[in-house]
Amino acid sequence: MELTGRLVADATVRAVNAEKNVTGFRVAVNRNYKSQGEQKQETAFVDCTYWRTDAIAPYLTKGMLVQLHGFMTAEPWVSRDGEPMASLKFRTDEINMLTGSGKKNEDKPTQAGDKNKVLKPSKAFN
C-alpha cells in the first residue's frame, strides 16, 4: 500500500523496550473530488510508525511531503468507559522524502567539518 502526504509535526521516537525504539509521525493525506460540479478537498490524518531505525527521525519534519510504502494495522483498545475501540495505523516499510521541510537549514544536522551543507539522508533508512 502507498500513501503520499505531508507531515503535520516533527517525528518523535519512543522506546518500546531496552533494545528497540519506534519512530512515530502523523501524515495529512488529501483527497480531491467533485460534488455537484464543485471541486472539494477532504483531508485524512494517518498515524504512522517506522520500526527499522530511529535515525531517520531528525529528517522527518513538519511540512515535508513524503511517500510511504507499508500496510495498515488495526490496534484494539478499551476506552475509559470500558467500550472496545480500534484505531488504524500505517506501519511504514519504506519512506521516500519528496520535499524538504519548512524549517531553516541551520536547524538540520550538518556533515562534520562543513556547517553550510545539509546532511542528505541515504537509502540506508529503508
Protein backbone atom coordinates (compact mmCIF):
# COMPACT_ATOMS: atom_id res chain seq x y z
CA MET A 1 0.00 0.00 0.00
CA GLU A 2 1.21 3.52 -0.70
CA LEU A 3 0.38 6.85 0.98
CA THR A 4 1.57 10.31 -0.02
CA GLY A 5 1.05 13.22 2.32
CA ARG A 6 2.57 15.97 4.46
CA LEU A 7 3.89 15.55 7.97
CA VAL A 8 1.79 17.61 10.38
CA ALA A 9 4.50 17.64 13.08
CA ASP A 10 8.09 16.56 13.57
CA ALA A 11 8.59 12.82 14.04
CA THR A 12 9.09 11.51 17.55
CA VAL A 13 10.94 8.49 18.88
CA ARG A 14 9.74 6.39 21.77
CA ALA A 15 11.36 3.44 23.48
CA VAL A 16 9.43 0.20 23.17
CA ASN A 17 11.85 -1.74 25.33
CA ALA A 18 15.54 -1.64 26.22
CA GLU A 19 16.54 -2.83 22.75
CA LYS A 20 14.04 -1.21 20.39
CA ASN A 21 12.78 2.28 19.52
CA VAL A 22 9.99 3.23 17.14
CA THR A 23 9.67 6.44 15.11
CA GLY A 24 6.16 7.86 15.06
CA PHE A 25 4.66 10.59 12.91
CA ARG A 26 1.33 11.79 11.52
CA VAL A 27 0.66 12.47 7.85
CA ALA A 28 -2.15 14.53 6.29
CA VAL A 29 -3.44 12.87 3.11
CA ASN A 30 -5.66 14.96 0.81
CA ARG A 31 -8.36 13.67 -1.49
CA ASN A 32 -9.71 15.94 -4.22
CA TYR A 33 -13.12 15.26 -5.73
CA LYS A 34 -16.09 16.94 -7.40
CA SER A 35 -19.51 17.09 -5.81
CA GLN A 36 -22.40 18.62 -7.73
CA GLY A 37 -19.91 20.26 -10.08
CA GLU A 38 -17.96 21.88 -7.24
CA GLN A 39 -14.31 20.99 -6.55
CA LYS A 40 -13.83 19.81 -2.95
CA GLN A 41 -10.98 18.55 -0.80
CA GLU A 42 -11.06 16.15 2.13
CA THR A 43 -8.13 15.53 4.48
CA ALA A 44 -7.46 12.35 6.45
CA PHE A 45 -4.84 12.26 9.21
CA VAL A 46 -2.93 8.98 9.44
CA ASP A 47 -0.76 7.91 12.38
CA CYS A 48 2.36 6.13 11.13
CA THR A 49 5.13 4.06 12.68
CA TYR A 50 8.58 3.18 11.35
CA TRP A 51 10.41 0.37 13.14
CA ARG A 52 13.58 -0.13 11.06
CA THR A 53 15.67 2.66 12.60
CA ASP A 54 15.09 5.77 14.68
CA ALA A 55 17.99 7.55 12.94
CA ILE A 56 15.54 8.91 10.36
CA ALA A 57 13.51 10.89 12.92
CA PRO A 58 15.51 14.18 12.67
CA TYR A 59 14.86 14.26 8.93
CA LEU A 60 11.08 13.82 9.20
CA THR A 61 9.97 17.37 9.93
CA LYS A 62 6.70 19.27 9.82
CA GLY A 63 5.59 20.25 6.32
CA MET A 64 7.67 17.64 4.49
CA LEU A 65 5.96 15.75 1.67
CA VAL A 66 6.60 12.01 1.96
CA GLN A 67 5.66 8.91 0.04
CA LEU A 68 5.22 5.88 2.29
CA HIS A 69 5.05 2.19 1.46
CA GLY A 70 3.72 -0.26 4.03
CA PHE A 71 0.47 -1.64 5.38
CA MET A 72 -2.42 -0.72 7.67
CA THR A 73 -2.86 -2.35 11.05
CA ALA A 74 -5.80 -2.26 13.45
CA GLU A 75 -4.96 -1.79 17.11
CA PRO A 76 -7.72 -2.67 19.56
CA TRP A 77 -8.03 -0.83 22.87
CA VAL A 78 -10.59 -0.20 25.58
CA SER A 79 -11.95 3.29 26.27
CA ARG A 80 -12.23 4.79 29.75
CA ASP A 81 -15.90 3.80 29.67
CA GLY A 82 -14.95 0.17 29.03
CA GLU A 83 -16.04 0.25 25.39
CA PRO A 84 -13.96 -1.76 22.91
CA MET A 85 -12.38 0.55 20.34
CA ALA A 86 -9.89 0.26 17.49
CA SER A 87 -7.55 2.63 15.69
CA LEU A 88 -5.87 2.28 12.32
CA LYS A 89 -2.15 2.86 11.96
CA PHE A 90 0.10 2.76 8.94
CA ARG A 91 3.15 0.58 9.54
CA THR A 92 5.77 2.05 7.24
CA ASP A 93 8.34 -0.15 5.49
CA GLU A 94 9.84 2.47 3.16
CA ILE A 95 9.97 6.28 3.26
CA ASN A 96 10.69 8.48 0.26
CA MET A 97 11.25 12.14 1.12
CA LEU A 98 9.74 14.13 -1.75
CA THR A 99 10.42 17.64 -0.40
CA GLY A 100 12.28 19.32 2.40
CA SER A 101 10.52 20.76 5.40
CA GLY A 102 9.70 24.37 6.08
CA LYS A 103 12.49 24.56 8.65
CA LYS A 104 15.66 26.54 8.08
CA ASN A 105 18.81 24.65 7.06
CA GLU A 106 20.61 25.55 10.27
CA ASP A 107 18.04 23.50 12.20
CA LYS A 108 19.06 20.30 10.40
CA PRO A 109 22.12 18.18 11.15
CA THR A 110 25.23 19.01 9.13
CA GLN A 111 28.18 16.98 7.98
CA ALA A 112 31.27 17.15 10.14
CA GLY A 113 33.56 20.00 9.14
CA ASP A 114 31.06 21.77 6.84
CA LYS A 115 28.40 23.88 8.53
CA ASN A 116 26.94 25.10 5.23
CA LYS A 117 25.92 21.71 3.80
CA VAL A 118 22.79 19.89 4.85
CA LEU A 119 23.24 16.19 5.56
CA LYS A 120 21.46 14.14 2.89
CA PRO A 121 19.62 11.04 4.14
CA SER A 122 20.69 7.83 2.46
CA LYS A 123 18.69 4.81 1.34
CA ALA A 124 20.10 3.06 4.42
CA PHE A 125 16.92 4.17 6.24
CA ASN A 126 14.76 1.89 4.10
